[in-house]
Amino acid sequence: LTKNVYCFRYTKPQTFADCIGNELPLGWEEAYDPQIGRYYINHVNQVTQLEDPRLEWLSIQEAMLREYLHTAQEALEVSTLY
């Protein structure tokens, strides 16, 4: 027996860190123009951009993970010396 569980949000996430899946946070909108294709609107700063803003957040997350793993590896190496 498989249950489908759906999560409904009543408010938009405030930051990219709060987003689940492909959500955009409050103030962001994805739009389409036939000439340029998909683009993103930041209503908070009143700017548009072609690059998906979620990609920038993904690179920040990856950098944070690399730093964490590096720090953990150093701590492990130090603890094995004693």
C-alpha atoms as a PDB file:
ATOM      1  CA  LEU A   1       0.000   0.000   0.000  1.00  0.00           C
ATOM      2  CA  THR A   2       1.547   3.274  -1.120  1.00  0.00           C
ATOM      3  CA  LYS A   3       0.397   6.630   0.155  1.00  0.00           C
ATOM      4  CA  ASN A   4       0.941   9.821  -1.761  1.00  0.00           C
ATOM      5  CA  VAL A   5       1.864  12.633   0.561  1.00  0.00           C
ATOM      6  CA  TYR A   6       1.531  16.171  -0.675  1.00  0.00           C
ATOM      7  CA  CYS A   7       2.916  19.216   1.061  1.00  0.00           C
ATOM      8  CA  PHE A   8       1.068  22.457   0.477  1.00  0.00           C
ATOM      9  CA  ARG A   9       2.555  25.778   1.460  1.00  0.00           C
ATOM     10  CA  TYR A  10       0.333  28.666   2.272  1.00  0.00           C
ATOM     11  CA  THR A  11       3.180  31.166   2.062  1.00  0.00           C
ATOM     12  CA  LYS A  12       6.122  31.405  -0.302  1.00  0.00           C
ATOM     13  CA  PRO A  13       9.573  30.662   1.092  1.00  0.00           C
ATOM     14  CA  GLN A  14      11.423  33.797   2.185  1.00  0.00           C
ATOM     15  CA  THR A  15      14.899  32.776   0.931  1.00  0.00           C
ATOM     16  CA  PHE A  16      16.462  30.287  -1.453  1.00  0.00           C
ATOM     17  CA  ALA A  17      17.536  28.269   1.604  1.00  0.00           C
ATOM     18  CA  ASP A  18      13.853  27.809   2.475  1.00  0.00           C
ATOM     19  CA  CYS A  19      12.856  26.602  -0.999  1.00  0.00           C
ATOM     20  CA  ILE A  20      11.903  23.010  -1.705  1.00  0.00           C
ATOM     21  CA  GLY A  21      12.524  21.530  -5.138  1.00  0.00           C
ATOM     22  CA  ASN A  22      12.215  24.101  -7.906  1.00  0.00           C
ATOM     23  CA  GLU A  23      10.503  26.777  -5.824  1.00  0.00           C
ATOM     24  CA  LEU A  24      11.514  30.392  -6.104  1.00  0.00           C
ATOM     25  CA  PRO A  25      11.393  32.536  -2.971  1.00  0.00           C
ATOM     26  CA  LEU A  26       9.078  35.436  -2.314  1.00  0.00           C
ATOM     27  CA  GLY A  27       9.656  38.235  -4.814  1.00  0.00           C
ATOM     28  CA  TRP A  28      10.964  36.005  -7.611  1.00  0.00           C
ATOM     29  CA  GLU A  29       9.043  34.944 -10.700  1.00  0.00           C
ATOM     30  CA  GLU A  30       9.897  32.778 -13.689  1.00  0.00           C
ATOM     31  CA  ALA A  31       8.648  34.141 -17.016  1.00  0.00           C
ATOM     32  CA  TYR A  32       8.905  33.254 -20.697  1.00  0.00           C
ATOM     33  CA  ASP A  33       9.485  35.448 -23.719  1.00  0.00           C
ATOM     34  CA  PRO A  34       9.281  33.894 -27.218  1.00  0.00           C
ATOM     35  CA  GLN A  35      12.396  35.779 -28.350  1.00  0.00           C
ATOM     36  CA  ILE A  36      14.731  35.192 -25.401  1.00  0.00           C
ATOM     37  CA  GLY A  37      13.158  32.181 -23.719  1.00  0.00           C
ATOM     38  CA  ARG A  38      12.928  31.710 -19.987  1.00  0.00           C
ATOM     39  CA  TYR A  39      14.001  34.542 -17.708  1.00  0.00           C
ATOM     40  CA  TYR A  40      13.640  35.461 -14.052  1.00  0.00           C
ATOM     41  CA  ILE A  41      12.163  38.539 -12.425  1.00  0.00           C
ATOM     42  CA  ASN A  42      13.313  39.764  -9.031  1.00  0.00           C
ATOM     43  CA  HIS A  43      10.444  42.008  -7.960  1.00  0.00           C
ATOM     44  CA  VAL A  44      12.218  42.979  -4.720  1.00  0.00           C
ATOM     45  CA  ASN A  45      15.216  44.550  -6.494  1.00  0.00           C
ATOM     46  CA  GLN A  46      13.250  45.279  -9.696  1.00  0.00           C
ATOM     47  CA  VAL A  47      15.679  43.471 -12.001  1.00  0.00           C
ATOM     48  CA  THR A  48      15.472  40.656 -14.526  1.00  0.00           C
ATOM     49  CA  GLN A  49      18.057  38.054 -15.437  1.00  0.00           C
ATOM     50  CA  LEU A  50      18.466  35.158 -17.828  1.00  0.00           C
ATOM     51  CA  GLU A  51      20.392  32.901 -15.446  1.00  0.00           C
ATOM     52  CA  ASP A  52      18.299  30.795 -13.110  1.00  0.00           C
ATOM     53  CA  PRO A  53      18.901  32.271  -9.629  1.00  0.00           C
ATOM     54  CA  ARG A  54      18.589  28.797  -8.114  1.00  0.00           C
ATOM     55  CA  LEU A  55      21.887  27.884  -9.812  1.00  0.00           C
ATOM     56  CA  GLU A  56      23.719  30.563  -7.829  1.00  0.00           C
ATOM     57  CA  TRP A  57      22.222  29.218  -4.596  1.00  0.00           C
ATOM     58  CA  LEU A  58      23.230  25.688  -5.631  1.00  0.00           C
ATOM     59  CA  SER A  59      26.856  26.793  -6.106  1.00  0.00           C
ATOM     60  CA  ILE A  60      26.774  28.465  -2.665  1.00  0.00           C
ATOM     61  CA  GLN A  61      25.446  25.236  -1.126  1.00  0.00           C
ATOM     62  CA  GLU A  62      28.175  23.214  -2.849  1.00  0.00           C
ATOM     63  CA  ALA A  63      30.874  25.581  -1.556  1.00  0.00           C
ATOM     64  CA  MET A  64      29.461  25.339   1.974  1.00  0.00           C
ATOM     65  CA  LEU A  65      29.463  21.535   1.747  1.00  0.00           C
ATOM     66  CA  ARG A  66      33.059  21.452   0.456  1.00  0.00           C
ATOM     67  CA  GLU A  67      34.161  23.715   3.331  1.00  0.00           C
ATOM     68  CA  TYR A  68      32.340  21.540   5.862  1.00  0.00           C
ATOM     69  CA  LEU A  69      33.899  18.349   4.492  1.00  0.00           C
ATOM     70  CA  HIS A  70      37.351  19.953   4.455  1.00  0.00           C
ATOM     71  CA  THR A  71      36.965  21.066   8.085  1.00  0.00           C
ATOM     72  CA  ALA A  72      35.648  17.646   9.113  1.00  0.00           C
ATOM     73  CA  GLN A  73      38.575  15.912   7.382  1.00  0.00           C
ATOM     74  CA  GLU A  74      41.063  18.178   9.173  1.00  0.00           C
ATOM     75  CA  ALA A  75      39.379  17.495  12.528  1.00  0.00           C
ATOM     76  CA  LEU A  76      39.484  13.761  11.862  1.00  0.00           C
ATOM     77  CA  GLU A  77      43.181  13.889  10.983  1.00  0.00           C
ATOM     78  CA  VAL A  78      43.981  15.856  14.149  1.00  0.00           C
ATOM     79  CA  SER A  79      41.972  13.473  16.337  1.00  0.00           C
ATOM     80  CA  THR A  80      43.812  10.432  14.952  1.00  0.00           C
ATOM     81  CA  LEU A  81      47.165  11.988  15.910  1.00  0.00           C
ATOM     82  CA  TYR A  82      46.354  11.831  19.617  1.00  0.00           C
END
